[in-house]
Amino acid sequence: MQRTENSVGGIMPDRPSTAPNSGNTPEELLASVTALRRRTRAVRNAYWLPLLLFALLTAVAAPLYVESVEPIALRVGQDNPPLTGLGGDFLERSATLGWYWLAALIGGYLLSLWWYRWHGVRVGVQTPARPYVIAGIVGTLVGLVLPIVLRHLLLNSATAISNGTSWATTPLLGVSDRGMLPHLVIAVGLLVLARLERSRGLTIVAAAYTAAVVLVNVYFQTANFQPGDLNRHSFMLAALLPAPILLVGGGIALLNTIRGRREQ
């Protein structure tokens, strides 16, 4: 071992240096840190399961959107229990659909929380998924209360209040009556998750899914439907239209995860 003189003339052994390698330029160090962050984020990302899970839950709900007969243009609202508010009011099976989505949304978000915790333990780095789950469950509860509030504002409030808020209450009540509120709850949750994951891919999927849900409802809101324009599968097609975005996005994310594991 080489020895060097200290400041008082003594001799002391050399110690390993902890300074950065002098051969690395600042640009190379920055590139190395950036690559490390990118690899860490890629390992941490696990959003393929929530995407595929909610695509599957939407597909399972599809038969509940099918009418047994040709739907009338405006169906009289049904007197369903408050806990079934997620199932809409115009649909023939709105009560059953409401119970289904209440269980599916809460169960889906709790399962997602378990998944992220299990995945974090497995790979050693974890996405803080609790805000995502909180946003989803709070959104579910808001979806139960919102139809009641909207109907009160539209039908039971003073004329000035009703007219002043109709620009918002009427479209939102239409979304609720068609059983599309659960899709908005899923969209809000995915936007929050995209922020937590810091994933460009998930951001694109969440934005595309949200846009599809909004466009479907805008179409129903602005179309001047006449008796006979809607068939017994119209509401089902509207509910299923955004689901392939989740399916394709989740499938691509899963394939990228598998490919990344093979390259390690």
Protein backbone atom coordinates (compact mmCIF):
# COMPACT_ATOMS: atom_id res chain seq x y z
CA MET A 1 0.00 0.00 0.00
CA GLN A 2 1.35 3.44 -0.91
CA ARG A 3 1.89 5.97 1.83
CA THR A 4 1.87 9.76 1.79
CA GLU A 5 3.12 12.35 4.21
CA ASN A 6 0.56 14.17 6.24
CA SER A 7 0.64 17.85 7.06
CA VAL A 8 2.85 17.33 10.13
CA GLY A 9 5.42 15.23 8.42
CA GLY A 10 4.02 11.87 9.50
CA ILE A 11 3.22 9.00 7.22
CA MET A 12 -0.30 7.70 6.70
CA PRO A 13 -1.76 5.15 4.28
CA ASP A 14 -3.74 6.29 1.28
CA ARG A 15 -7.56 6.02 1.63
CA PRO A 16 -9.94 5.29 -1.21
CA SER A 17 -11.28 8.47 -2.71
CA THR A 18 -15.02 9.10 -2.60
CA ALA A 19 -14.87 11.98 -5.07
CA PRO A 20 -16.47 11.57 -8.49
CA ASN A 21 -14.33 10.11 -11.20
CA SER A 22 -12.34 12.95 -12.66
CA GLY A 23 -12.77 11.38 -16.07
CA ASN A 24 -16.53 11.97 -16.05
CA THR A 25 -17.66 15.30 -17.45
CA PRO A 26 -20.68 17.08 -15.93
CA GLU A 27 -22.68 16.16 -19.02
CA GLU A 28 -21.83 12.47 -18.57
CA LEU A 29 -22.77 12.56 -14.89
CA LEU A 30 -26.08 14.24 -15.71
CA ALA A 31 -26.79 11.69 -18.43
CA SER A 32 -26.01 8.86 -16.00
CA VAL A 33 -28.37 10.24 -13.35
CA THR A 34 -31.10 10.79 -15.96
CA ALA A 35 -30.75 7.22 -17.22
CA LEU A 36 -30.91 5.90 -13.66
CA ARG A 37 -34.10 7.86 -12.99
CA ARG A 38 -35.62 6.59 -16.22
CA ARG A 39 -34.84 2.97 -15.35
CA THR A 40 -36.20 3.42 -11.83
CA ARG A 41 -39.43 4.93 -13.16
CA ALA A 42 -39.80 2.12 -15.69
CA VAL A 43 -39.42 -0.51 -12.97
CA ARG A 44 -41.82 1.34 -10.67
CA ASN A 45 -44.58 1.78 -13.27
CA ALA A 46 -47.31 -0.82 -12.85
CA TYR A 47 -50.34 0.90 -14.32
CA TRP A 48 -51.09 -1.85 -16.81
CA LEU A 49 -53.18 -3.70 -14.22
CA PRO A 50 -55.58 -0.81 -13.37
CA LEU A 51 -56.08 -0.17 -17.09
CA LEU A 52 -56.91 -3.80 -17.89
CA LEU A 53 -58.93 -4.18 -14.69
CA PHE A 54 -61.29 -1.29 -15.41
CA ALA A 55 -61.57 -2.30 -19.07
CA LEU A 56 -62.69 -5.73 -17.86
CA LEU A 57 -65.14 -4.26 -15.34
CA THR A 58 -66.68 -2.12 -18.09
CA ALA A 59 -67.03 -5.14 -20.39
CA VAL A 60 -68.72 -7.17 -17.64
CA ALA A 61 -71.23 -4.33 -17.12
CA ALA A 62 -72.13 -4.21 -20.83
CA PRO A 63 -75.17 -6.56 -20.66
CA LEU A 64 -76.76 -4.32 -18.02
CA TYR A 65 -76.85 -1.46 -20.53
CA VAL A 66 -78.89 -3.50 -23.03
CA GLU A 67 -82.63 -2.81 -23.07
CA SER A 68 -85.08 -5.69 -23.41
CA VAL A 69 -87.20 -3.61 -25.81
CA GLU A 70 -86.63 -0.59 -28.00
CA PRO A 71 -85.96 2.29 -25.57
CA ILE A 72 -88.26 5.31 -25.69
CA ALA A 73 -86.68 8.71 -26.25
CA LEU A 74 -87.48 9.95 -22.75
CA ARG A 75 -88.18 7.38 -20.08
CA VAL A 76 -89.83 8.35 -16.83
CA GLY A 77 -87.30 8.36 -13.99
CA GLN A 78 -87.27 5.35 -11.69
CA ASP A 79 -87.54 5.47 -7.92
CA ASN A 80 -84.33 3.59 -7.12
CA PRO A 81 -82.42 3.46 -3.80
CA PRO A 82 -79.88 6.28 -3.38
CA LEU A 83 -76.97 3.79 -3.37
CA THR A 84 -77.80 2.84 -6.95
CA GLY A 85 -77.27 6.37 -8.28
CA LEU A 86 -74.28 5.28 -10.36
CA GLY A 87 -76.57 3.22 -12.57
CA GLY A 88 -78.43 6.17 -14.02
CA ASP A 89 -82.15 6.72 -14.24
CA PHE A 90 -83.11 6.18 -17.90
CA LEU A 91 -81.89 2.60 -18.15
CA GLU A 92 -84.15 -0.37 -17.70
CA ARG A 93 -81.71 -2.12 -15.33
CA SER A 94 -80.44 1.05 -13.67
CA ALA A 95 -80.80 -0.29 -10.10
CA THR A 96 -78.80 -3.45 -10.86
CA LEU A 97 -76.24 -1.41 -12.78
CA GLY A 98 -75.91 0.99 -9.86
CA TRP A 99 -75.22 -1.81 -7.36
CA TYR A 100 -72.72 -3.33 -9.77
CA TRP A 101 -70.73 -0.12 -10.27
CA LEU A 102 -70.73 0.68 -6.57
CA ALA A 103 -69.09 -2.66 -5.82
CA ALA A 104 -66.90 -2.65 -8.95
CA LEU A 105 -65.43 0.81 -8.42
CA ILE A 106 -64.67 0.41 -4.72
CA GLY A 107 -63.35 -3.12 -5.24
CA GLY A 108 -61.31 -2.06 -8.28
CA TYR A 109 -59.60 0.79 -6.49
CA LEU A 110 -58.85 -1.29 -3.39
CA LEU A 111 -57.44 -4.06 -5.58
CA SER A 112 -55.28 -1.48 -7.35
CA LEU A 113 -53.93 -0.32 -3.99
CA TRP A 114 -53.03 -3.88 -3.04
CA TRP A 115 -51.39 -4.39 -6.43
CA TYR A 116 -49.17 -1.34 -6.13
CA ARG A 117 -48.06 -2.30 -2.64
CA TRP A 118 -47.28 -5.87 -3.71
CA HIS A 119 -45.44 -4.66 -6.79
CA GLY A 120 -43.46 -2.14 -4.75
CA VAL A 121 -42.28 -4.81 -2.33
CA ARG A 122 -41.35 -7.06 -5.24
CA VAL A 123 -39.25 -4.55 -7.21
CA GLY A 124 -38.03 -2.41 -4.32
CA VAL A 125 -39.56 0.89 -5.43
CA GLN A 126 -43.21 1.86 -5.11
CA THR A 127 -45.56 4.41 -6.65
CA PRO A 128 -47.51 6.27 -3.91
CA ALA A 129 -50.89 4.97 -5.05
CA ARG A 130 -52.94 6.08 -2.04
CA PRO A 131 -53.94 9.45 -3.58
CA TYR A 132 -55.16 7.55 -6.65
CA VAL A 133 -57.32 5.25 -4.54
CA ILE A 134 -58.63 8.14 -2.44
CA ALA A 135 -59.56 10.05 -5.61
CA GLY A 136 -61.40 7.00 -6.97
CA ILE A 137 -63.38 6.26 -3.81
CA VAL A 138 -64.23 9.93 -3.22
CA GLY A 139 -65.32 10.14 -6.86
CA THR A 140 -67.54 7.11 -6.32
CA LEU A 141 -69.20 8.74 -3.31
CA VAL A 142 -69.65 11.99 -5.24
CA GLY A 143 -71.26 9.98 -8.03
CA LEU A 144 -73.85 8.71 -5.55
CA VAL A 145 -74.71 12.15 -4.21
CA LEU A 146 -74.42 14.16 -7.43
CA PRO A 147 -77.69 13.02 -9.09
CA ILE A 148 -79.65 13.99 -5.98
CA VAL A 149 -78.06 17.44 -5.86
CA LEU A 150 -78.54 18.00 -9.60
CA ARG A 151 -82.23 17.11 -9.51
CA HIS A 152 -82.77 19.38 -6.54
CA LEU A 153 -81.10 22.30 -8.30
CA LEU A 154 -82.97 21.66 -11.52
CA LEU A 155 -86.45 20.86 -10.20
CA ASN A 156 -86.85 22.00 -6.62
CA SER A 157 -84.85 25.22 -6.37
CA ALA A 158 -85.97 28.75 -7.11
CA THR A 159 -86.44 29.64 -10.76
CA ALA A 160 -83.48 32.03 -10.78
CA ILE A 161 -81.17 29.37 -9.34
CA SER A 162 -82.52 26.67 -11.63
CA ASN A 163 -82.10 28.82 -14.75
CA GLY A 164 -78.69 30.06 -13.67
CA THR A 165 -77.27 26.59 -13.12
CA SER A 166 -79.03 24.72 -15.94
CA TRP A 167 -75.98 25.08 -18.20
CA ALA A 168 -74.14 22.69 -15.85
CA THR A 169 -76.92 20.69 -14.21
CA THR A 170 -78.62 19.58 -17.42
CA PRO A 171 -75.53 18.02 -19.11
CA LEU A 172 -74.33 16.43 -15.86
CA LEU A 173 -77.78 15.02 -15.16
CA GLY A 174 -77.79 13.56 -18.67
CA VAL A 175 -74.44 11.87 -17.96
CA SER A 176 -75.88 10.49 -14.73
CA ASP A 177 -79.15 9.30 -16.29
CA ARG A 178 -77.29 7.33 -18.98
CA GLY A 179 -75.19 5.51 -16.37
CA MET A 180 -71.95 7.16 -17.50
CA LEU A 181 -70.87 8.65 -14.17
CA PRO A 182 -68.73 5.57 -13.36
CA HIS A 183 -66.72 6.25 -16.51
CA LEU A 184 -65.99 9.77 -15.30
CA VAL A 185 -64.90 8.37 -11.93
CA ILE A 186 -62.47 6.03 -13.74
CA ALA A 187 -61.20 8.91 -15.88
CA VAL A 188 -60.49 11.15 -12.88
CA GLY A 189 -58.68 8.30 -11.13
CA LEU A 190 -56.49 7.63 -14.16
CA LEU A 191 -55.55 11.30 -14.49
CA VAL A 192 -54.44 11.32 -10.85
CA LEU A 193 -52.52 8.06 -11.35
CA ALA A 194 -50.77 9.46 -14.42
CA ARG A 195 -49.53 12.33 -12.29
CA LEU A 196 -48.28 9.95 -9.61
CA GLU A 197 -46.62 7.60 -12.10
CA ARG A 198 -45.07 10.49 -14.07
CA SER A 199 -45.71 8.40 -17.14
CA ARG A 200 -46.20 9.98 -20.55
CA GLY A 201 -47.85 6.81 -21.83
CA LEU A 202 -50.42 6.70 -19.03
CA THR A 203 -51.08 10.42 -19.45
CA ILE A 204 -51.92 9.85 -23.12
CA VAL A 205 -54.21 6.91 -22.29
CA ALA A 206 -55.97 8.80 -19.48
CA ALA A 207 -56.47 11.90 -21.65
CA ALA A 208 -57.77 9.85 -24.59
CA TYR A 209 -60.15 7.92 -22.34
CA THR A 210 -61.45 11.12 -20.74
CA ALA A 211 -61.94 12.71 -24.15
CA ALA A 212 -63.86 9.66 -25.39
CA VAL A 213 -66.19 9.72 -22.38
CA VAL A 214 -66.83 13.44 -22.82
CA LEU A 215 -67.43 13.17 -26.58
CA VAL A 216 -69.90 10.30 -26.15
CA ASN A 217 -71.92 12.32 -23.69
CA VAL A 218 -71.73 15.49 -25.77
CA TYR A 219 -73.14 13.52 -28.70
CA PHE A 220 -76.08 12.27 -26.66
CA GLN A 221 -76.64 15.72 -25.18
CA THR A 222 -76.64 17.61 -28.49
CA ALA A 223 -78.35 15.04 -30.75
CA ASN A 224 -82.03 15.70 -31.24
CA PHE A 225 -83.21 12.11 -30.84
CA GLN A 226 -86.65 11.24 -32.10
CA PRO A 227 -88.71 8.15 -31.17
CA GLY A 228 -87.07 5.19 -32.89
CA ASP A 229 -83.61 6.75 -33.16
CA LEU A 230 -82.32 4.73 -30.20
CA ASN A 231 -82.27 0.95 -30.28
CA ARG A 232 -81.89 -1.48 -27.43
CA HIS A 233 -78.09 -1.52 -27.78
CA SER A 234 -77.52 2.25 -27.99
CA PHE A 235 -76.66 2.77 -24.32
CA MET A 236 -74.41 -0.31 -24.31
CA LEU A 237 -72.44 0.98 -27.31
CA ALA A 238 -72.06 4.36 -25.61
CA ALA A 239 -70.76 2.71 -22.44
CA LEU A 240 -68.34 0.40 -24.28
CA LEU A 241 -66.92 2.96 -26.72
CA PRO A 242 -64.19 4.31 -24.36
CA ALA A 243 -63.24 0.86 -22.99
CA PRO A 244 -60.93 -0.23 -25.89
CA ILE A 245 -58.65 2.71 -25.04
CA LEU A 246 -58.02 1.16 -21.62
CA LEU A 247 -57.59 -2.28 -23.15
CA VAL A 248 -55.07 -1.18 -25.77
CA GLY A 249 -53.18 1.06 -23.35
CA GLY A 250 -53.01 -1.64 -20.70
CA GLY A 251 -51.91 -4.25 -23.23
CA ILE A 252 -49.09 -2.07 -24.55
CA ALA A 253 -47.94 -1.26 -20.99
CA LEU A 254 -47.93 -4.95 -20.09
CA LEU A 255 -45.89 -5.87 -23.17
CA ASN A 256 -43.40 -3.11 -22.39
CA THR A 257 -43.07 -4.42 -18.83
CA ILE A 258 -42.41 -7.96 -20.05
CA ARG A 259 -39.89 -6.71 -22.62
CA GLY A 260 -38.09 -4.65 -19.98
CA ARG A 261 -37.75 -7.66 -17.68
CA ARG A 262 -36.27 -9.75 -20.47
CA GLU A 263 -33.69 -7.07 -21.27
CA GLN A 264 -32.50 -6.87 -17.64
